[in-house]
Amino acid sequence: MKYPVFASFIIFILLVRHNIRRNRRIEENTEKAFWDRERKANEVRRKPLDDLVYVKPDMSSFPMDVMADDPEVKECRELLKSLENEKIVNLTGQTNTDLKLHYGVANLKTLTEYDDRYTLLVQTIQKWADRLWENGYTEEAIPLLEEQVRLHADITSAYRKLAVYYRDKNKTEKIEELKKTAETLNSSSKNVILKSLDEI
């Protein structure tokens, strides 16, 4: 009885060692591929930004007079106003290496600024919508949340709140539209959003 047990133990140890070595090789190859790509990206010269899709928020349906004196709402309105004439681009899902390869290392700072403005934009709209929602202004929050979807923001709560609202209003076709938009997101949050919509 001892020999089969001992043999099994030896086989187990060998398998563990094999897996450790294999995982180490995979990690080394992945790291090498990353640094090779990064080195190549750092050699790319400046390229035109002609194919960028600039984001322009549509605030025409926003409830400007609702909770107008609330400090948080006021701050959101002012922030959005400051972004009105700025260049904004949604670069969600693209790494710095991706951007350098496509547009050149010299454009990275500019692209980062464009993307930072996009992040500020969608976070501000969401903060405003959440503030209204929390205070019982559900209907008034809907245009803000719908704008989030139009802007392809990957904020799960925006999709979830809209889906709950559409469900309660028997607008199931609108939930299907949310799913279609979520499918196009270039974000790690896509699957979380889709799962959240399926649960409603």
C-alpha atoms as a PDB file:
ATOM      1  CA  MET A   1       0.000   0.000   0.000  1.00  0.00           C
ATOM      2  CA  LYS A   2       2.861   2.389   0.753  1.00  0.00           C
ATOM      3  CA  TYR A   3       4.408   2.245  -2.748  1.00  0.00           C
ATOM      4  CA  PRO A   4       1.290   3.392  -4.704  1.00  0.00           C
ATOM      5  CA  VAL A   5       0.796   6.248  -2.234  1.00  0.00           C
ATOM      6  CA  PHE A   6       4.470   7.242  -2.512  1.00  0.00           C
ATOM      7  CA  ALA A   7       4.323   7.028  -6.325  1.00  0.00           C
ATOM      8  CA  SER A   8       1.178   9.183  -6.366  1.00  0.00           C
ATOM      9  CA  PHE A   9       2.913  11.727  -4.158  1.00  0.00           C
ATOM     10  CA  ILE A  10       5.957  11.839  -6.483  1.00  0.00           C
ATOM     11  CA  ILE A  11       3.683  12.284  -9.528  1.00  0.00           C
ATOM     12  CA  PHE A  12       1.841  15.083  -7.724  1.00  0.00           C
ATOM     13  CA  ILE A  13       5.123  16.876  -6.921  1.00  0.00           C
ATOM     14  CA  LEU A  14       6.285  16.544 -10.528  1.00  0.00           C
ATOM     15  CA  LEU A  15       2.997  17.949 -11.828  1.00  0.00           C
ATOM     16  CA  VAL A  16       3.195  20.904  -9.440  1.00  0.00           C
ATOM     17  CA  ARG A  17       6.784  21.626 -10.512  1.00  0.00           C
ATOM     18  CA  HIS A  18       5.794  21.366 -14.164  1.00  0.00           C
ATOM     19  CA  ASN A  19       2.891  23.801 -13.694  1.00  0.00           C
ATOM     20  CA  ILE A  20       5.078  26.260 -11.793  1.00  0.00           C
ATOM     21  CA  ARG A  21       7.689  26.226 -14.576  1.00  0.00           C
ATOM     22  CA  ARG A  22       5.027  26.557 -17.280  1.00  0.00           C
ATOM     23  CA  ASN A  23       3.366  29.513 -15.503  1.00  0.00           C
ATOM     24  CA  ARG A  24       6.748  31.168 -15.023  1.00  0.00           C
ATOM     25  CA  ARG A  25       7.494  30.822 -18.753  1.00  0.00           C
ATOM     26  CA  ILE A  26       4.084  32.273 -19.644  1.00  0.00           C
ATOM     27  CA  GLU A  27       4.669  35.223 -17.305  1.00  0.00           C
ATOM     28  CA  GLU A  28       8.146  35.822 -18.716  1.00  0.00           C
ATOM     29  CA  ASN A  29       6.857  35.702 -22.300  1.00  0.00           C
ATOM     30  CA  THR A  30       3.957  38.031 -21.455  1.00  0.00           C
ATOM     31  CA  GLU A  31       6.296  40.507 -19.794  1.00  0.00           C
ATOM     32  CA  LYS A  32       8.731  40.352 -22.705  1.00  0.00           C
ATOM     33  CA  ALA A  33       5.899  40.925 -25.205  1.00  0.00           C
ATOM     34  CA  PHE A  34       4.697  43.911 -23.176  1.00  0.00           C
ATOM     35  CA  TRP A  35       8.116  45.571 -23.057  1.00  0.00           C
ATOM     36  CA  ASP A  36       8.748  44.845 -26.744  1.00  0.00           C
ATOM     37  CA  ARG A  37       5.448  46.518 -27.616  1.00  0.00           C
ATOM     38  CA  GLU A  38       6.154  49.428 -25.268  1.00  0.00           C
ATOM     39  CA  ARG A  39       9.602  49.935 -26.793  1.00  0.00           C
ATOM     40  CA  LYS A  40       8.073  49.950 -30.267  1.00  0.00           C
ATOM     41  CA  ALA A  41       5.373  52.409 -29.152  1.00  0.00           C
ATOM     42  CA  ASN A  42       7.974  54.819 -27.783  1.00  0.00           C
ATOM     43  CA  GLU A  43       9.580  55.009 -31.226  1.00  0.00           C
ATOM     44  CA  VAL A  44       6.379  56.003 -33.078  1.00  0.00           C
ATOM     45  CA  ARG A  45       6.434  59.587 -34.316  1.00  0.00           C
ATOM     46  CA  ARG A  46       3.546  62.011 -33.962  1.00  0.00           C
ATOM     47  CA  LYS A  47       0.572  61.149 -36.168  1.00  0.00           C
ATOM     48  CA  PRO A  48      -2.560  63.153 -37.096  1.00  0.00           C
ATOM     49  CA  LEU A  49      -5.513  62.986 -34.707  1.00  0.00           C
ATOM     50  CA  ASP A  50      -7.986  63.140 -37.593  1.00  0.00           C
ATOM     51  CA  ASP A  51      -9.850  59.944 -36.697  1.00  0.00           C
ATOM     52  CA  LEU A  52     -10.677  60.964 -33.124  1.00  0.00           C
ATOM     53  CA  VAL A  53     -14.383  61.087 -32.292  1.00  0.00           C
ATOM     54  CA  TYR A  54     -14.980  64.118 -30.104  1.00  0.00           C
ATOM     55  CA  VAL A  55     -17.697  63.976 -27.468  1.00  0.00           C
ATOM     56  CA  LYS A  56     -20.169  66.830 -27.122  1.00  0.00           C
ATOM     57  CA  PRO A  57     -22.648  66.501 -24.251  1.00  0.00           C
ATOM     58  CA  ASP A  58     -26.249  67.439 -25.018  1.00  0.00           C
ATOM     59  CA  MET A  59     -27.564  69.259 -21.950  1.00  0.00           C
ATOM     60  CA  SER A  60     -30.715  70.601 -23.607  1.00  0.00           C
ATOM     61  CA  SER A  61     -32.984  68.205 -21.679  1.00  0.00           C
ATOM     62  CA  PHE A  62     -31.191  68.499 -18.325  1.00  0.00           C
ATOM     63  CA  PRO A  63     -33.364  69.702 -15.390  1.00  0.00           C
ATOM     64  CA  MET A  64     -31.479  72.949 -14.733  1.00  0.00           C
ATOM     65  CA  ASP A  65     -34.094  74.342 -12.325  1.00  0.00           C
ATOM     66  CA  VAL A  66     -34.518  71.239 -10.143  1.00  0.00           C
ATOM     67  CA  MET A  67     -32.611  71.488  -6.828  1.00  0.00           C
ATOM     68  CA  ALA A  68     -30.863  74.477  -8.375  1.00  0.00           C
ATOM     69  CA  ASP A  69     -29.644  75.755  -4.996  1.00  0.00           C
ATOM     70  CA  ASP A  70     -28.252  72.415  -3.867  1.00  0.00           C
ATOM     71  CA  PRO A  71     -24.433  72.786  -3.525  1.00  0.00           C
ATOM     72  CA  GLU A  72     -23.680  69.434  -5.215  1.00  0.00           C
ATOM     73  CA  VAL A  73     -26.053  70.069  -8.104  1.00  0.00           C
ATOM     74  CA  LYS A  74     -24.676  73.573  -8.510  1.00  0.00           C
ATOM     75  CA  GLU A  75     -21.121  72.227  -8.594  1.00  0.00           C
ATOM     76  CA  CYS A  76     -22.110  69.679 -11.262  1.00  0.00           C
ATOM     77  CA  ARG A  77     -23.701  72.361 -13.428  1.00  0.00           C
ATOM     78  CA  GLU A  78     -20.611  74.563 -13.155  1.00  0.00           C
ATOM     79  CA  LEU A  79     -18.250  71.698 -13.986  1.00  0.00           C
ATOM     80  CA  LEU A  80     -20.256  70.751 -17.064  1.00  0.00           C
ATOM     81  CA  LYS A  81     -20.345  74.384 -18.132  1.00  0.00           C
ATOM     82  CA  SER A  82     -16.536  74.523 -17.897  1.00  0.00           C
ATOM     83  CA  LEU A  83     -16.288  71.501 -20.215  1.00  0.00           C
ATOM     84  CA  GLU A  84     -18.638  72.898 -22.867  1.00  0.00           C
ATOM     85  CA  ASN A  85     -15.953  74.159 -25.246  1.00  0.00           C
ATOM     86  CA  GLU A  86     -13.216  71.679 -24.390  1.00  0.00           C
ATOM     87  CA  LYS A  87     -12.057  68.788 -26.548  1.00  0.00           C
ATOM     88  CA  ILE A  88     -13.303  65.534 -25.054  1.00  0.00           C
ATOM     89  CA  VAL A  89     -12.653  62.005 -26.304  1.00  0.00           C
ATOM     90  CA  ASN A  90     -13.720  58.639 -24.924  1.00  0.00           C
ATOM     91  CA  LEU A  91     -10.578  56.488 -24.934  1.00  0.00           C
ATOM     92  CA  THR A  92     -11.894  53.879 -22.499  1.00  0.00           C
ATOM     93  CA  GLY A  93     -10.259  50.486 -22.973  1.00  0.00           C
ATOM     94  CA  GLN A  94      -7.153  51.821 -24.692  1.00  0.00           C
ATOM     95  CA  THR A  95      -3.835  51.685 -22.859  1.00  0.00           C
ATOM     96  CA  ASN A  96      -1.087  54.296 -23.107  1.00  0.00           C
ATOM     97  CA  THR A  97       0.825  51.818 -25.253  1.00  0.00           C
ATOM     98  CA  ASP A  98      -2.153  51.490 -27.621  1.00  0.00           C
ATOM     99  CA  LEU A  99      -2.381  55.266 -27.928  1.00  0.00           C
ATOM    100  CA  LYS A 100       1.335  55.714 -28.564  1.00  0.00           C
ATOM    101  CA  LEU A 101       1.327  53.031 -31.244  1.00  0.00           C
ATOM    102  CA  HIS A 102      -1.641  54.605 -33.015  1.00  0.00           C
ATOM    103  CA  TYR A 103      -0.934  58.318 -32.586  1.00  0.00           C
ATOM    104  CA  GLY A 104       2.725  58.610 -31.598  1.00  0.00           C
ATOM    105  CA  VAL A 105       4.342  59.186 -28.225  1.00  0.00           C
ATOM    106  CA  ALA A 106       4.274  62.987 -28.669  1.00  0.00           C
ATOM    107  CA  ASN A 107       0.452  62.975 -28.645  1.00  0.00           C
ATOM    108  CA  LEU A 108       0.090  60.997 -25.408  1.00  0.00           C
ATOM    109  CA  LYS A 109      -0.209  64.032 -23.111  1.00  0.00           C
ATOM    110  CA  THR A 110      -2.900  65.618 -25.302  1.00  0.00           C
ATOM    111  CA  LEU A 111      -4.856  62.366 -25.576  1.00  0.00           C
ATOM    112  CA  THR A 112      -4.659  61.836 -21.816  1.00  0.00           C
ATOM    113  CA  GLU A 113      -6.132  65.296 -21.286  1.00  0.00           C
ATOM    114  CA  TYR A 114      -8.980  64.543 -23.700  1.00  0.00           C
ATOM    115  CA  ASP A 115      -9.721  61.262 -21.924  1.00  0.00           C
ATOM    116  CA  ASP A 116      -9.474  62.819 -18.443  1.00  0.00           C
ATOM    117  CA  ARG A 117     -12.119  65.338 -19.508  1.00  0.00           C
ATOM    118  CA  TYR A 118     -14.350  62.491 -20.669  1.00  0.00           C
ATOM    119  CA  THR A 119     -13.992  60.796 -17.280  1.00  0.00           C
ATOM    120  CA  LEU A 120     -14.797  64.056 -15.494  1.00  0.00           C
ATOM    121  CA  LEU A 121     -17.792  64.592 -17.793  1.00  0.00           C
ATOM    122  CA  VAL A 122     -19.469  61.234 -17.184  1.00  0.00           C
ATOM    123  CA  GLN A 123     -18.650  61.204 -13.461  1.00  0.00           C
ATOM    124  CA  THR A 124     -20.180  64.667 -13.080  1.00  0.00           C
ATOM    125  CA  ILE A 125     -23.350  63.744 -14.966  1.00  0.00           C
ATOM    126  CA  GLN A 126     -23.669  60.609 -12.845  1.00  0.00           C
ATOM    127  CA  LYS A 127     -23.166  62.544  -9.616  1.00  0.00           C
ATOM    128  CA  TRP A 128     -25.924  64.963 -10.644  1.00  0.00           C
ATOM    129  CA  ALA A 129     -28.278  62.137 -11.615  1.00  0.00           C
ATOM    130  CA  ASP A 130     -27.612  60.278  -8.359  1.00  0.00           C
ATOM    131  CA  ARG A 131     -28.276  63.424  -6.326  1.00  0.00           C
ATOM    132  CA  LEU A 132     -31.660  63.907  -8.002  1.00  0.00           C
ATOM    133  CA  TRP A 133     -32.525  60.211  -7.717  1.00  0.00           C
ATOM    134  CA  GLU A 134     -31.702  60.127  -3.993  1.00  0.00           C
ATOM    135  CA  ASN A 135     -33.989  63.101  -3.375  1.00  0.00           C
ATOM    136  CA  GLY A 136     -36.973  61.598  -5.161  1.00  0.00           C
ATOM    137  CA  TYR A 137     -36.562  63.355  -8.513  1.00  0.00           C
ATOM    138  CA  THR A 138     -36.515  60.134 -10.489  1.00  0.00           C
ATOM    139  CA  GLU A 139     -38.162  61.500 -13.626  1.00  0.00           C
ATOM    140  CA  GLU A 140     -35.802  64.469 -13.673  1.00  0.00           C
ATOM    141  CA  ALA A 141     -32.761  62.191 -13.374  1.00  0.00           C
ATOM    142  CA  ILE A 142     -33.701  60.143 -16.461  1.00  0.00           C
ATOM    143  CA  PRO A 143     -32.397  62.602 -19.123  1.00  0.00           C
ATOM    144  CA  LEU A 144     -29.037  62.659 -17.333  1.00  0.00           C
ATOM    145  CA  LEU A 145     -28.844  58.878 -17.218  1.00  0.00           C
ATOM    146  CA  GLU A 146     -29.913  58.594 -20.859  1.00  0.00           C
ATOM    147  CA  GLU A 147     -27.145  60.992 -21.794  1.00  0.00           C
ATOM    148  CA  GLN A 148     -24.692  58.676 -20.021  1.00  0.00           C
ATOM    149  CA  VAL A 149     -25.765  55.845 -22.299  1.00  0.00           C
ATOM    150  CA  ARG A 150     -25.542  58.064 -25.382  1.00  0.00           C
ATOM    151  CA  LEU A 151     -21.994  59.017 -24.351  1.00  0.00           C
ATOM    152  CA  HIS A 152     -21.120  55.317 -23.902  1.00  0.00           C
ATOM    153  CA  ALA A 153     -20.216  55.781 -20.255  1.00  0.00           C
ATOM    154  CA  ASP A 154     -19.406  52.462 -18.584  1.00  0.00           C
ATOM    155  CA  ILE A 155     -21.058  53.314 -15.251  1.00  0.00           C
ATOM    156  CA  THR A 156     -23.117  50.313 -14.174  1.00  0.00           C
ATOM    157  CA  SER A 157     -25.513  52.256 -11.930  1.00  0.00           C
ATOM    158  CA  ALA A 158     -26.579  54.474 -14.859  1.00  0.00           C
ATOM    159  CA  TYR A 159     -27.710  51.437 -16.855  1.00  0.00           C
ATOM    160  CA  ARG A 160     -29.255  49.753 -13.839  1.00  0.00           C
ATOM    161  CA  LYS A 161     -31.298  52.781 -12.766  1.00  0.00           C
ATOM    162  CA  LEU A 162     -32.554  53.307 -16.296  1.00  0.00           C
ATOM    163  CA  ALA A 163     -33.485  49.638 -16.596  1.00  0.00           C
ATOM    164  CA  VAL A 164     -35.426  49.749 -13.312  1.00  0.00           C
ATOM    165  CA  TYR A 165     -37.225  52.887 -14.468  1.00  0.00           C
ATOM    166  CA  TYR A 166     -38.057  51.369 -17.885  1.00  0.00           C
ATOM    167  CA  ARG A 167     -39.234  48.138 -16.255  1.00  0.00           C
ATOM    168  CA  ASP A 168     -41.563  50.021 -13.907  1.00  0.00           C
ATOM    169  CA  LYS A 169     -42.907  52.025 -16.864  1.00  0.00           C
ATOM    170  CA  ASN A 170     -43.400  48.820 -18.940  1.00  0.00           C
ATOM    171  CA  LYS A 171     -40.867  49.990 -21.527  1.00  0.00           C
ATOM    172  CA  THR A 172     -39.108  46.657 -21.978  1.00  0.00           C
ATOM    173  CA  GLU A 173     -37.967  47.619 -25.491  1.00  0.00           C
ATOM    174  CA  LYS A 174     -35.872  50.350 -23.896  1.00  0.00           C
ATOM    175  CA  ILE A 175     -34.061  47.752 -21.769  1.00  0.00           C
ATOM    176  CA  GLU A 176     -33.200  45.861 -24.949  1.00  0.00           C
ATOM    177  CA  GLU A 177     -31.771  49.085 -26.366  1.00  0.00           C
ATOM    178  CA  LEU A 178     -29.635  49.464 -23.237  1.00  0.00           C
ATOM    179  CA  LYS A 179     -28.278  45.956 -23.780  1.00  0.00           C
ATOM    180  CA  LYS A 180     -27.405  46.725 -27.390  1.00  0.00           C
ATOM    181  CA  THR A 181     -25.478  49.827 -26.343  1.00  0.00           C
ATOM    182  CA  ALA A 182     -23.734  47.954 -23.529  1.00  0.00           C
ATOM    183  CA  GLU A 183     -22.592  45.321 -26.048  1.00  0.00           C
ATOM    184  CA  THR A 184     -20.636  48.010 -27.904  1.00  0.00           C
ATOM    185  CA  LEU A 185     -18.711  49.243 -24.857  1.00  0.00           C
ATOM    186  CA  ASN A 186     -14.939  48.909 -25.009  1.00  0.00           C
ATOM    187  CA  SER A 187     -14.662  48.443 -21.275  1.00  0.00           C
ATOM    188  CA  SER A 188     -13.978  45.803 -18.661  1.00  0.00           C
ATOM    189  CA  SER A 189     -17.318  46.813 -17.109  1.00  0.00           C
ATOM    190  CA  LYS A 190     -19.285  45.595 -20.132  1.00  0.00           C
ATOM    191  CA  ASN A 191     -20.025  42.112 -18.781  1.00  0.00           C
ATOM    192  CA  VAL A 192     -20.951  43.483 -15.355  1.00  0.00           C
ATOM    193  CA  ILE A 193     -23.404  45.913 -16.962  1.00  0.00           C
ATOM    194  CA  LEU A 194     -24.940  43.207 -19.163  1.00  0.00           C
ATOM    195  CA  LYS A 195     -25.313  40.872 -16.182  1.00  0.00           C
ATOM    196  CA  SER A 196     -26.927  43.660 -14.191  1.00  0.00           C
ATOM    197  CA  LEU A 197     -29.426  44.323 -17.003  1.00  0.00           C
ATOM    198  CA  ASP A 198     -30.247  40.607 -17.300  1.00  0.00           C
ATOM    199  CA  GLU A 199     -31.105  40.517 -13.593  1.00  0.00           C
ATOM    200  CA  ILE A 200     -33.788  43.200 -13.929  1.00  0.00           C
END
